[in-house]
Amino acid sequence: MSVSKHGKDGSIFERALKEYVRLLQQRPVLTKSVTNAVVSGLGTIISQLIVADPKAKGRINWRSVFAYTSFGFVVNGPLIHHLYVFMEKRMPRDQKYSTIKRLLFDRLIFAPPYLLIFMYYVAIVEGNTSEAAVQRIKETYWMILKLNWTVWTVIQYVNVNYVPLKFRTIFGNACALVYLVIFSILRRKAAS
């Protein structure tokens, strides 16, 4: 191991990155699930601090944080891991038109039902009835899907074609932090 100006083991960032890579190799799904949960929860807290809900009286809505965090851990982490593995196997880079196939699969086949599941799950875990969740989806789904296509198409193009497989989830998580803040703000505004 080389000695750097930050000590014999490198900077805190370098050590954290090495540990993250080690965990990705040993327990990829669990590592991606935990990362997803942390980013989702953090994004929800940030969005609540940016756009305060008048009913919350300046307090964090921990039920909403739990909804996003649990979705990240239980659904999104494992699902996204397996999505990228699937695309890598079924649409390998050396295959003709793999770039466009990956992008079209992600944007047109995966994203629409994924957003429905996400929106329904979050609404239910936040304490809404099934009817209220469906109504909210009817009111906001098309707007959110168009936003998703607008924002995530470029991100996913880069992610599925240029980011190494083991780092795709963390790359997506970094982008998702910003997106989740925007998504949560729009969703909260639409609900009020």
N, C-alpha and C. Protein backbone atom coordinates (compact mmCIF):
# COMPACT_ATOMS: atom_id res chain seq x y z
N MET A 1 0.85 -1.17 0.00
CA MET A 1 0.00 0.00 0.00
C MET A 1 0.89 1.23 0.00
N SER A 2 0.54 2.21 -0.76
CA SER A 2 1.36 3.41 -0.87
C SER A 2 1.05 4.38 0.26
N VAL A 3 2.04 5.18 0.57
CA VAL A 3 1.88 6.20 1.59
C VAL A 3 1.49 7.49 0.91
N SER A 4 0.45 8.13 1.40
CA SER A 4 0.02 9.40 0.82
C SER A 4 0.19 10.49 1.85
N LYS A 5 -0.07 11.72 1.43
CA LYS A 5 0.05 12.84 2.35
C LYS A 5 -1.01 12.79 3.45
N HIS A 6 -1.98 11.90 3.31
CA HIS A 6 -3.05 11.78 4.31
C HIS A 6 -2.78 10.64 5.28
N GLY A 7 -1.59 10.07 5.24
CA GLY A 7 -1.28 8.95 6.12
C GLY A 7 -1.02 7.70 5.31
N LYS A 8 -0.57 6.65 6.01
CA LYS A 8 -0.17 5.44 5.29
C LYS A 8 -1.33 4.73 4.61
N ASP A 9 -2.53 4.93 5.07
CA ASP A 9 -3.68 4.26 4.47
C ASP A 9 -4.49 5.15 3.54
N GLY A 10 -4.04 6.35 3.27
CA GLY A 10 -4.77 7.24 2.39
C GLY A 10 -5.78 8.09 3.14
N SER A 11 -6.50 8.88 2.39
CA SER A 11 -7.51 9.76 2.98
C SER A 11 -8.71 8.95 3.45
N ILE A 12 -9.55 9.60 4.20
CA ILE A 12 -10.79 8.95 4.65
C ILE A 12 -11.62 8.53 3.44
N PHE A 13 -11.67 9.39 2.44
CA PHE A 13 -12.43 9.07 1.22
C PHE A 13 -11.86 7.84 0.54
N GLU A 14 -10.53 7.77 0.41
CA GLU A 14 -9.89 6.61 -0.23
C GLU A 14 -10.19 5.33 0.53
N ARG A 15 -10.10 5.40 1.85
CA ARG A 15 -10.39 4.21 2.68
C ARG A 15 -11.86 3.80 2.55
N ALA A 16 -12.75 4.78 2.56
CA ALA A 16 -14.18 4.48 2.43
C ALA A 16 -14.47 3.85 1.07
N LEU A 17 -13.85 4.37 0.02
CA LEU A 17 -14.06 3.81 -1.32
C LEU A 17 -13.54 2.38 -1.40
N LYS A 18 -12.37 2.12 -0.82
CA LYS A 18 -11.83 0.75 -0.81
C LYS A 18 -12.76 -0.19 -0.05
N GLU A 19 -13.27 0.27 1.07
CA GLU A 19 -14.19 -0.56 1.85
C GLU A 19 -15.48 -0.80 1.09
N TYR A 20 -15.97 0.22 0.42
CA TYR A 20 -17.19 0.08 -0.37
C TYR A 20 -16.98 -0.95 -1.49
N VAL A 21 -15.87 -0.88 -2.18
CA VAL A 21 -15.57 -1.84 -3.25
C VAL A 21 -15.46 -3.25 -2.67
N ARG A 22 -14.83 -3.39 -1.51
CA ARG A 22 -14.73 -4.70 -0.86
C ARG A 22 -16.12 -5.24 -0.54
N LEU A 23 -16.98 -4.39 0.01
CA LEU A 23 -18.34 -4.82 0.33
C LEU A 23 -19.15 -5.16 -0.93
N LEU A 24 -18.92 -4.40 -2.01
CA LEU A 24 -19.59 -4.71 -3.28
C LEU A 24 -19.22 -6.10 -3.77
N GLN A 25 -17.97 -6.48 -3.58
CA GLN A 25 -17.51 -7.80 -4.03
C GLN A 25 -18.05 -8.91 -3.13
N GLN A 26 -18.11 -8.64 -1.82
CA GLN A 26 -18.55 -9.68 -0.89
C GLN A 26 -20.07 -9.82 -0.81
N ARG A 27 -20.76 -8.70 -0.76
CA ARG A 27 -22.22 -8.71 -0.60
C ARG A 27 -22.83 -7.60 -1.47
N PRO A 28 -22.86 -7.82 -2.78
CA PRO A 28 -23.28 -6.74 -3.68
C PRO A 28 -24.72 -6.26 -3.46
N VAL A 29 -25.65 -7.17 -3.29
CA VAL A 29 -27.06 -6.77 -3.16
C VAL A 29 -27.27 -6.03 -1.83
N LEU A 30 -26.75 -6.57 -0.75
CA LEU A 30 -26.90 -5.92 0.55
C LEU A 30 -26.24 -4.54 0.56
N THR A 31 -25.05 -4.45 0.00
CA THR A 31 -24.34 -3.16 -0.05
C THR A 31 -25.14 -2.14 -0.84
N LYS A 32 -25.66 -2.55 -1.97
CA LYS A 32 -26.44 -1.62 -2.80
C LYS A 32 -27.76 -1.27 -2.12
N SER A 33 -28.34 -2.20 -1.40
CA SER A 33 -29.59 -1.93 -0.69
C SER A 33 -29.39 -0.91 0.43
N VAL A 34 -28.32 -1.09 1.20
CA VAL A 34 -28.03 -0.14 2.28
C VAL A 34 -27.71 1.23 1.70
N THR A 35 -26.90 1.27 0.65
CA THR A 35 -26.57 2.55 0.00
C THR A 35 -27.84 3.24 -0.49
N ASN A 36 -28.70 2.48 -1.12
CA ASN A 36 -29.96 3.02 -1.63
C ASN A 36 -30.82 3.57 -0.50
N ALA A 37 -30.91 2.85 0.59
CA ALA A 37 -31.71 3.28 1.73
C ALA A 37 -31.18 4.59 2.30
N VAL A 38 -29.87 4.68 2.48
CA VAL A 38 -29.26 5.89 3.04
C VAL A 38 -29.51 7.09 2.12
N VAL A 39 -29.27 6.91 0.83
CA VAL A 39 -29.46 8.01 -0.12
C VAL A 39 -30.93 8.42 -0.18
N SER A 40 -31.82 7.46 -0.19
CA SER A 40 -33.26 7.77 -0.25
C SER A 40 -33.71 8.53 0.99
N GLY A 41 -33.29 8.07 2.15
CA GLY A 41 -33.65 8.77 3.39
C GLY A 41 -33.07 10.17 3.45
N LEU A 42 -31.81 10.29 3.09
CA LEU A 42 -31.15 11.60 3.08
C LEU A 42 -31.83 12.56 2.11
N GLY A 43 -32.15 12.07 0.92
CA GLY A 43 -32.83 12.90 -0.07
C GLY A 43 -34.19 13.38 0.41
N THR A 44 -34.90 12.51 1.12
CA THR A 44 -36.22 12.88 1.65
C THR A 44 -36.08 13.94 2.73
N ILE A 45 -35.11 13.77 3.61
CA ILE A 45 -34.89 14.77 4.67
C ILE A 45 -34.52 16.11 4.06
N ILE A 46 -33.61 16.10 3.10
CA ILE A 46 -33.20 17.35 2.45
C ILE A 46 -34.39 18.03 1.78
N SER A 47 -35.20 17.25 1.08
CA SER A 47 -36.36 17.84 0.39
C SER A 47 -37.34 18.44 1.40
N GLN A 48 -37.51 17.80 2.54
CA GLN A 48 -38.41 18.34 3.56
C GLN A 48 -37.85 19.63 4.17
N LEU A 49 -36.55 19.71 4.28
CA LEU A 49 -35.94 20.94 4.80
C LEU A 49 -36.05 22.08 3.80
N ILE A 50 -35.99 21.74 2.51
CA ILE A 50 -36.08 22.77 1.46
C ILE A 50 -37.51 23.26 1.30
N VAL A 51 -38.45 22.33 1.22
CA VAL A 51 -39.87 22.69 1.06
C VAL A 51 -40.61 22.17 2.29
N ALA A 52 -40.76 23.03 3.26
CA ALA A 52 -41.41 22.62 4.51
C ALA A 52 -42.90 22.44 4.30
N ASP A 53 -43.41 21.35 4.82
CA ASP A 53 -44.85 21.09 4.80
C ASP A 53 -45.48 21.89 5.95
N PRO A 54 -46.41 22.80 5.65
CA PRO A 54 -47.00 23.62 6.71
C PRO A 54 -47.63 22.80 7.83
N LYS A 55 -48.16 21.61 7.48
CA LYS A 55 -48.78 20.75 8.49
C LYS A 55 -47.73 20.16 9.44
N ALA A 56 -46.48 20.09 9.00
CA ALA A 56 -45.43 19.49 9.82
C ALA A 56 -44.88 20.45 10.87
N LYS A 57 -45.17 21.73 10.73
CA LYS A 57 -44.71 22.75 11.69
C LYS A 57 -43.20 22.70 11.91
N GLY A 58 -42.46 22.57 10.82
CA GLY A 58 -41.01 22.59 10.89
C GLY A 58 -40.36 21.28 11.30
N ARG A 59 -41.14 20.25 11.53
CA ARG A 59 -40.59 18.95 11.92
C ARG A 59 -40.43 18.05 10.71
N ILE A 60 -39.49 17.15 10.82
CA ILE A 60 -39.28 16.14 9.77
C ILE A 60 -40.41 15.12 9.85
N ASN A 61 -40.96 14.75 8.71
CA ASN A 61 -41.98 13.71 8.64
C ASN A 61 -41.24 12.37 8.54
N TRP A 62 -41.03 11.75 9.69
CA TRP A 62 -40.24 10.52 9.73
C TRP A 62 -40.94 9.35 9.05
N ARG A 63 -42.25 9.40 8.98
CA ARG A 63 -42.97 8.34 8.27
C ARG A 63 -42.62 8.38 6.78
N SER A 64 -42.54 9.58 6.23
CA SER A 64 -42.14 9.74 4.83
C SER A 64 -40.69 9.31 4.63
N VAL A 65 -39.83 9.69 5.57
CA VAL A 65 -38.42 9.27 5.49
C VAL A 65 -38.35 7.74 5.51
N PHE A 66 -39.13 7.11 6.39
CA PHE A 66 -39.15 5.66 6.45
C PHE A 66 -39.66 5.06 5.15
N ALA A 67 -40.69 5.66 4.56
CA ALA A 67 -41.24 5.14 3.30
C ALA A 67 -40.18 5.11 2.21
N TYR A 68 -39.47 6.22 2.04
CA TYR A 68 -38.43 6.28 1.00
C TYR A 68 -37.25 5.38 1.35
N THR A 69 -36.84 5.39 2.61
CA THR A 69 -35.70 4.58 3.03
C THR A 69 -36.00 3.09 2.88
N SER A 70 -37.17 2.67 3.32
CA SER A 70 -37.50 1.24 3.23
C SER A 70 -37.65 0.81 1.78
N PHE A 71 -38.21 1.68 0.93
CA PHE A 71 -38.29 1.34 -0.49
C PHE A 71 -36.88 1.16 -1.06
N GLY A 72 -35.98 2.06 -0.69
CA GLY A 72 -34.60 1.96 -1.16
C GLY A 72 -33.95 0.65 -0.75
N PHE A 73 -34.19 0.23 0.49
CA PHE A 73 -33.56 -0.98 0.99
C PHE A 73 -34.23 -2.24 0.47
N VAL A 74 -35.54 -2.30 0.57
CA VAL A 74 -36.28 -3.53 0.28
C VAL A 74 -36.49 -3.75 -1.22
N VAL A 75 -36.77 -2.69 -1.95
CA VAL A 75 -37.13 -2.83 -3.36
C VAL A 75 -36.02 -2.32 -4.28
N ASN A 76 -35.67 -1.07 -4.15
CA ASN A 76 -34.81 -0.44 -5.14
C ASN A 76 -33.40 -1.03 -5.20
N GLY A 77 -32.76 -1.22 -4.05
CA GLY A 77 -31.40 -1.77 -4.05
C GLY A 77 -31.30 -3.09 -4.79
N PRO A 78 -32.09 -4.10 -4.36
CA PRO A 78 -32.03 -5.39 -5.05
C PRO A 78 -32.50 -5.32 -6.51
N LEU A 79 -33.58 -4.58 -6.75
CA LEU A 79 -34.15 -4.51 -8.10
C LEU A 79 -33.16 -3.89 -9.09
N ILE A 80 -32.56 -2.78 -8.72
CA ILE A 80 -31.63 -2.10 -9.62
C ILE A 80 -30.38 -2.95 -9.84
N HIS A 81 -29.90 -3.61 -8.80
CA HIS A 81 -28.76 -4.52 -8.95
C HIS A 81 -29.07 -5.56 -10.03
N HIS A 82 -30.21 -6.21 -9.89
CA HIS A 82 -30.57 -7.27 -10.84
C HIS A 82 -30.91 -6.73 -12.22
N LEU A 83 -31.45 -5.54 -12.30
CA LEU A 83 -31.70 -4.90 -13.60
C LEU A 83 -30.39 -4.74 -14.37
N TYR A 84 -29.37 -4.21 -13.71
CA TYR A 84 -28.10 -3.97 -14.40
C TYR A 84 -27.41 -5.28 -14.77
N VAL A 85 -27.50 -6.28 -13.91
CA VAL A 85 -26.93 -7.60 -14.23
C VAL A 85 -27.67 -8.19 -15.44
N PHE A 86 -28.99 -8.09 -15.44
CA PHE A 86 -29.80 -8.58 -16.56
C PHE A 86 -29.39 -7.90 -17.87
N MET A 87 -29.30 -6.58 -17.85
CA MET A 87 -28.95 -5.85 -19.08
C MET A 87 -27.55 -6.22 -19.55
N GLU A 88 -26.64 -6.41 -18.61
CA GLU A 88 -25.26 -6.76 -18.97
C GLU A 88 -25.22 -8.13 -19.66
N LYS A 89 -26.03 -9.07 -19.17
CA LYS A 89 -26.06 -10.42 -19.75
C LYS A 89 -26.83 -10.46 -21.06
N ARG A 90 -27.98 -9.81 -21.12
CA ARG A 90 -28.85 -9.89 -22.29
C ARG A 90 -28.48 -8.91 -23.40
N MET A 91 -27.80 -7.85 -23.04
CA MET A 91 -27.43 -6.82 -24.01
C MET A 91 -25.96 -6.46 -23.85
N PRO A 92 -25.07 -7.44 -24.07
CA PRO A 92 -23.64 -7.18 -23.85
C PRO A 92 -23.12 -6.07 -24.77
N ARG A 93 -22.08 -5.42 -24.31
CA ARG A 93 -21.52 -4.28 -25.02
C ARG A 93 -21.11 -4.60 -26.46
N ASP A 94 -20.67 -5.83 -26.70
CA ASP A 94 -20.21 -6.18 -28.05
C ASP A 94 -21.37 -6.52 -29.00
N GLN A 95 -22.57 -6.54 -28.49
CA GLN A 95 -23.75 -6.81 -29.31
C GLN A 95 -24.14 -5.55 -30.09
N LYS A 96 -24.56 -5.77 -31.34
CA LYS A 96 -24.97 -4.65 -32.18
C LYS A 96 -26.15 -3.91 -31.54
N TYR A 97 -26.07 -2.61 -31.53
CA TYR A 97 -27.11 -1.73 -31.00
C TYR A 97 -27.35 -1.89 -29.50
N SER A 98 -26.37 -2.43 -28.77
CA SER A 98 -26.58 -2.64 -27.33
C SER A 98 -26.81 -1.33 -26.58
N THR A 99 -26.17 -0.26 -27.02
CA THR A 99 -26.34 1.03 -26.36
C THR A 99 -27.79 1.47 -26.40
N ILE A 100 -28.38 1.42 -27.56
CA ILE A 100 -29.77 1.86 -27.71
C ILE A 100 -30.73 0.86 -27.08
N LYS A 101 -30.42 -0.43 -27.16
CA LYS A 101 -31.28 -1.45 -26.54
C LYS A 101 -31.36 -1.25 -25.03
N ARG A 102 -30.21 -1.01 -24.40
CA ARG A 102 -30.18 -0.81 -22.95
C ARG A 102 -31.00 0.41 -22.56
N LEU A 103 -30.80 1.47 -23.30
CA LEU A 103 -31.49 2.71 -22.98
C LEU A 103 -33.00 2.56 -23.18
N LEU A 104 -33.40 1.98 -24.30
CA LEU A 104 -34.83 1.79 -24.56
C LEU A 104 -35.47 0.85 -23.54
N PHE A 105 -34.76 -0.21 -23.19
CA PHE A 105 -35.29 -1.14 -22.19
C PHE A 105 -35.51 -0.41 -20.86
N ASP A 106 -34.51 0.32 -20.43
CA ASP A 106 -34.60 1.02 -19.15
C ASP A 106 -35.70 2.08 -19.16
N ARG A 107 -35.74 2.87 -20.20
CA ARG A 107 -36.65 4.02 -20.24
C ARG A 107 -38.10 3.64 -20.56
N LEU A 108 -38.30 2.67 -21.46
CA LEU A 108 -39.65 2.35 -21.92
C LEU A 108 -40.27 1.11 -21.28
N ILE A 109 -39.45 0.14 -20.92
CA ILE A 109 -39.96 -1.11 -20.35
C ILE A 109 -39.90 -1.06 -18.82
N PHE A 110 -38.77 -0.64 -18.29
CA PHE A 110 -38.57 -0.68 -16.84
C PHE A 110 -39.17 0.52 -16.10
N ALA A 111 -38.87 1.73 -16.55
CA ALA A 111 -39.24 2.94 -15.80
C ALA A 111 -40.74 3.11 -15.56
N PRO A 112 -41.62 2.92 -16.55
CA PRO A 112 -43.04 3.18 -16.29
C PRO A 112 -43.65 2.33 -15.16
N PRO A 113 -43.50 0.99 -15.18
CA PRO A 113 -44.08 0.24 -14.06
C PRO A 113 -43.33 0.46 -12.74
N TYR A 114 -42.02 0.68 -12.84
CA TYR A 114 -41.24 0.96 -11.64
C TYR A 114 -41.78 2.19 -10.91
N LEU A 115 -42.05 3.25 -11.65
CA LEU A 115 -42.57 4.47 -11.02
C LEU A 115 -43.94 4.24 -10.39
N LEU A 116 -44.78 3.44 -11.03
CA LEU A 116 -46.09 3.12 -10.43
C LEU A 116 -45.91 2.41 -9.09
N ILE A 117 -45.05 1.42 -9.07
CA ILE A 117 -44.79 0.67 -7.83
C ILE A 117 -44.22 1.61 -6.76
N PHE A 118 -43.25 2.42 -7.16
CA PHE A 118 -42.61 3.36 -6.23
C PHE A 118 -43.64 4.32 -5.63
N MET A 119 -44.43 4.92 -6.49
CA MET A 119 -45.40 5.91 -6.02
C MET A 119 -46.45 5.28 -5.10
N TYR A 120 -46.91 4.10 -5.46
CA TYR A 120 -47.92 3.42 -4.64
C TYR A 120 -47.33 3.01 -3.29
N TYR A 121 -46.16 2.42 -3.31
CA TYR A 121 -45.50 1.97 -2.08
C TYR A 121 -45.30 3.13 -1.12
N VAL A 122 -44.72 4.21 -1.61
CA VAL A 122 -44.44 5.36 -0.74
C VAL A 122 -45.74 5.92 -0.17
N ALA A 123 -46.76 6.05 -0.99
CA ALA A 123 -48.03 6.59 -0.51
C ALA A 123 -48.64 5.71 0.59
N ILE A 124 -48.60 4.41 0.40
CA ILE A 124 -49.16 3.48 1.39
C ILE A 124 -48.36 3.52 2.69
N VAL A 125 -47.04 3.45 2.59
CA VAL A 125 -46.20 3.45 3.80
C VAL A 125 -46.29 4.79 4.53
N GLU A 126 -46.55 5.86 3.80
CA GLU A 126 -46.75 7.16 4.44
C GLU A 126 -48.08 7.23 5.19
N GLY A 127 -48.95 6.23 5.00
CA GLY A 127 -50.19 6.17 5.75
C GLY A 127 -51.44 6.47 4.96
N ASN A 128 -51.33 6.60 3.66
CA ASN A 128 -52.50 6.86 2.82
C ASN A 128 -53.27 5.56 2.57
N THR A 129 -54.55 5.69 2.29
CA THR A 129 -55.34 4.53 1.89
C THR A 129 -54.96 4.15 0.46
N SER A 130 -55.35 2.95 0.08
CA SER A 130 -55.10 2.51 -1.29
C SER A 130 -55.78 3.44 -2.28
N GLU A 131 -57.00 3.84 -1.97
CA GLU A 131 -57.75 4.74 -2.85
C GLU A 131 -57.02 6.08 -3.01
N ALA A 132 -56.53 6.62 -1.89
CA ALA A 132 -55.81 7.90 -1.94
C ALA A 132 -54.51 7.75 -2.73
N ALA A 133 -53.83 6.62 -2.56
CA ALA A 133 -52.59 6.38 -3.30
C ALA A 133 -52.86 6.33 -4.80
N VAL A 134 -53.90 5.62 -5.18
CA VAL A 134 -54.26 5.52 -6.60
C VAL A 134 -54.65 6.89 -7.15
N GLN A 135 -55.40 7.65 -6.38
CA GLN A 135 -55.80 8.99 -6.82
C GLN A 135 -54.58 9.88 -7.02
N ARG A 136 -53.63 9.83 -6.09
CA ARG A 136 -52.41 10.63 -6.22
C ARG A 136 -51.63 10.22 -7.47
N ILE A 137 -51.57 8.93 -7.73
CA ILE A 137 -50.89 8.44 -8.93
C ILE A 137 -51.59 8.97 -10.17
N LYS A 138 -52.92 8.91 -10.20
CA LYS A 138 -53.66 9.42 -11.35
C LYS A 138 -53.36 10.90 -11.60
N GLU A 139 -53.21 11.65 -10.53
CA GLU A 139 -52.99 13.10 -10.65
C GLU A 139 -51.56 13.46 -11.03
N THR A 140 -50.59 12.63 -10.66
CA THR A 140 -49.18 13.05 -10.82
C THR A 140 -48.32 12.13 -11.68
N TYR A 141 -48.81 10.94 -12.01
CA TYR A 141 -47.96 9.95 -12.69
C TYR A 141 -47.38 10.46 -14.01
N TRP A 142 -48.21 10.99 -14.87
CA TRP A 142 -47.74 11.41 -16.19
C TRP A 142 -46.68 12.50 -16.06
N MET A 143 -46.90 13.47 -15.18
CA MET A 143 -45.92 14.53 -14.97
C MET A 143 -44.59 13.96 -14.46
N ILE A 144 -44.68 13.03 -13.52
CA ILE A 144 -43.47 12.44 -12.94
C ILE A 144 -42.76 11.54 -13.95
N LEU A 145 -43.51 10.79 -14.74
CA LEU A 145 -42.90 9.95 -15.77
C LEU A 145 -42.16 10.81 -16.80
N LYS A 146 -42.78 11.90 -17.24
CA LYS A 146 -42.11 12.79 -18.20
C LYS A 146 -40.85 13.40 -17.59
N LEU A 147 -40.92 13.79 -16.32
CA LEU A 147 -39.73 14.31 -15.64
C LEU A 147 -38.66 13.24 -15.57
N ASN A 148 -39.06 12.01 -15.24
CA ASN A 148 -38.13 10.90 -15.19
C ASN A 148 -37.46 10.68 -16.54
N TRP A 149 -38.25 10.66 -17.60
CA TRP A 149 -37.67 10.47 -18.93
C TRP A 149 -36.73 11.62 -19.28
N THR A 150 -37.09 12.83 -18.92
CA THR A 150 -36.26 13.99 -19.24
C THR A 150 -34.93 13.94 -18.50
N VAL A 151 -35.00 13.72 -17.20
CA VAL A 151 -33.79 13.77 -16.37
C VAL A 151 -32.97 12.49 -16.49
N TRP A 152 -33.62 11.35 -16.36
CA TRP A 152 -32.89 10.09 -16.24
C TRP A 152 -32.41 9.50 -17.57
N THR A 153 -32.91 9.95 -18.67
CA THR A 153 -32.47 9.37 -19.94
C THR A 153 -30.98 9.62 -20.16
N VAL A 154 -30.53 10.82 -19.94
CA VAL A 154 -29.10 11.13 -20.10
C VAL A 154 -28.29 10.40 -19.03
N ILE A 155 -28.77 10.44 -17.80
CA ILE A 155 -28.06 9.77 -16.71
C ILE A 155 -27.94 8.28 -17.00
N GLN A 156 -29.03 7.65 -17.41
CA GLN A 156 -28.99 6.22 -17.68
C GLN A 156 -28.17 5.87 -18.92
N TYR A 157 -28.16 6.75 -19.89
CA TYR A 157 -27.31 6.52 -21.06
C TYR A 157 -25.86 6.39 -20.61
N VAL A 158 -25.42 7.33 -19.80
CA VAL A 158 -24.04 7.30 -19.28
C VAL A 158 -23.87 6.07 -18.39
N ASN A 159 -24.82 5.85 -17.50
CA ASN A 159 -24.70 4.78 -16.51
C ASN A 159 -24.60 3.40 -17.14
N VAL A 160 -25.53 3.05 -18.03
CA VAL A 160 -25.55 1.68 -18.56
C VAL A 160 -24.52 1.44 -19.65
N ASN A 161 -23.91 2.50 -20.15
CA ASN A 161 -22.95 2.31 -21.24
C ASN A 161 -21.50 2.62 -20.87
N TYR A 162 -21.28 3.39 -19.83
CA TYR A 162 -19.90 3.81 -19.53
C TYR A 162 -19.46 3.55 -18.09
N VAL A 163 -20.37 3.40 -17.18
CA VAL A 163 -20.02 3.16 -15.78
C VAL A 163 -19.84 1.65 -15.59
N PRO A 164 -18.74 1.22 -14.94
CA PRO A 164 -18.56 -0.22 -14.69
C PRO A 164 -19.75 -0.78 -13.89
N LEU A 165 -20.10 -2.02 -14.17
CA LEU A 165 -21.28 -2.66 -13.59
C LEU A 165 -21.35 -2.49 -12.07
N LYS A 166 -20.25 -2.73 -11.37
CA LYS A 166 -20.30 -2.69 -9.91
C LYS A 166 -20.54 -1.29 -9.36
N PHE A 167 -20.29 -0.25 -10.17
CA PHE A 167 -20.48 1.12 -9.70
C PHE A 167 -21.76 1.77 -10.23
N ARG A 168 -22.54 1.05 -11.00
CA ARG A 168 -23.75 1.66 -11.59
C ARG A 168 -24.76 2.08 -10.53
N THR A 169 -24.92 1.26 -9.52
CA THR A 169 -25.89 1.61 -8.49
C THR A 169 -25.45 2.84 -7.71
N ILE A 170 -24.19 2.92 -7.33
CA ILE A 170 -23.73 4.09 -6.56
C ILE A 170 -23.75 5.34 -7.44
N PHE A 171 -23.44 5.20 -8.72
CA PHE A 171 -23.55 6.35 -9.63
C PHE A 171 -25.00 6.81 -9.70
N GLY A 172 -25.89 5.85 -9.88
CA GLY A 172 -27.31 6.18 -9.90
C GLY A 172 -27.78 6.78 -8.59
N ASN A 173 -27.25 6.27 -7.45
CA ASN A 173 -27.60 6.83 -6.15
C ASN A 173 -27.18 8.28 -6.01
N ALA A 174 -25.98 8.58 -6.49
CA ALA A 174 -25.50 9.97 -6.42
C ALA A 174 -26.42 10.89 -7.23
N CYS A 175 -26.76 10.45 -8.42
CA CYS A 175 -27.69 11.24 -9.25
C CYS A 175 -29.08 11.27 -8.63
N ALA A 176 -29.47 10.15 -8.03
CA ALA A 176 -30.80 10.05 -7.43
C ALA A 176 -30.97 10.99 -6.25
N LEU A 177 -29.89 11.27 -5.55
CA LEU A 177 -30.00 12.19 -4.41
C LEU A 177 -30.57 13.53 -4.87
N VAL A 178 -30.02 14.04 -5.95
CA VAL A 178 -30.52 15.31 -6.50
C VAL A 178 -31.92 15.12 -7.06
N TYR A 179 -32.11 14.06 -7.82
CA TYR A 179 -33.43 13.80 -8.43
C TYR A 179 -34.50 13.61 -7.36
N LEU A 180 -34.17 12.87 -6.31
CA LEU A 180 -35.15 12.59 -5.26
C LEU A 180 -35.60 13.87 -4.57
N VAL A 181 -34.68 14.78 -4.37
CA VAL A 181 -35.06 16.07 -3.78
C VAL A 181 -36.08 16.76 -4.70
N ILE A 182 -35.78 16.81 -5.99
CA ILE A 182 -36.69 17.45 -6.95
C ILE A 182 -38.03 16.70 -7.00
N PHE A 183 -37.97 15.37 -7.08
CA PHE A 183 -39.17 14.54 -7.14
C PHE A 183 -40.04 14.75 -5.90
N SER A 184 -39.42 14.73 -4.73
CA SER A 184 -40.17 14.88 -3.48
C SER A 184 -40.83 16.25 -3.39
N ILE A 185 -40.12 17.27 -3.83
CA ILE A 185 -40.67 18.62 -3.82
C ILE A 185 -41.90 18.68 -4.73
N LEU A 186 -41.78 18.15 -5.95
CA LEU A 186 -42.91 18.17 -6.89
C LEU A 186 -44.08 17.34 -6.36
N ARG A 187 -43.77 16.20 -5.80
CA ARG A 187 -44.81 15.32 -5.27
C ARG A 187 -45.53 16.00 -4.11
N ARG A 188 -44.77 16.64 -3.22
CA ARG A 188 -45.38 17.31 -2.07
C ARG A 188 -46.23 18.49 -2.51
N LYS A 189 -45.74 19.25 -3.50
CA LYS A 189 -46.51 20.39 -4.01
C LYS A 189 -47.81 19.90 -4.66
N ALA A 190 -47.75 18.79 -5.39
CA ALA A 190 -48.94 18.26 -6.05
C ALA A 190 -49.96 17.75 -5.03
N ALA A 191 -49.46 17.25 -3.90
CA ALA A 191 -50.35 16.70 -2.88
C ALA A 191 -51.01 17.79 -2.05
N SER A 192 -50.42 18.99 -2.02
CA SER A 192 -51.00 20.05 -1.18
C SER A 192 -51.93 20.96 -1.94
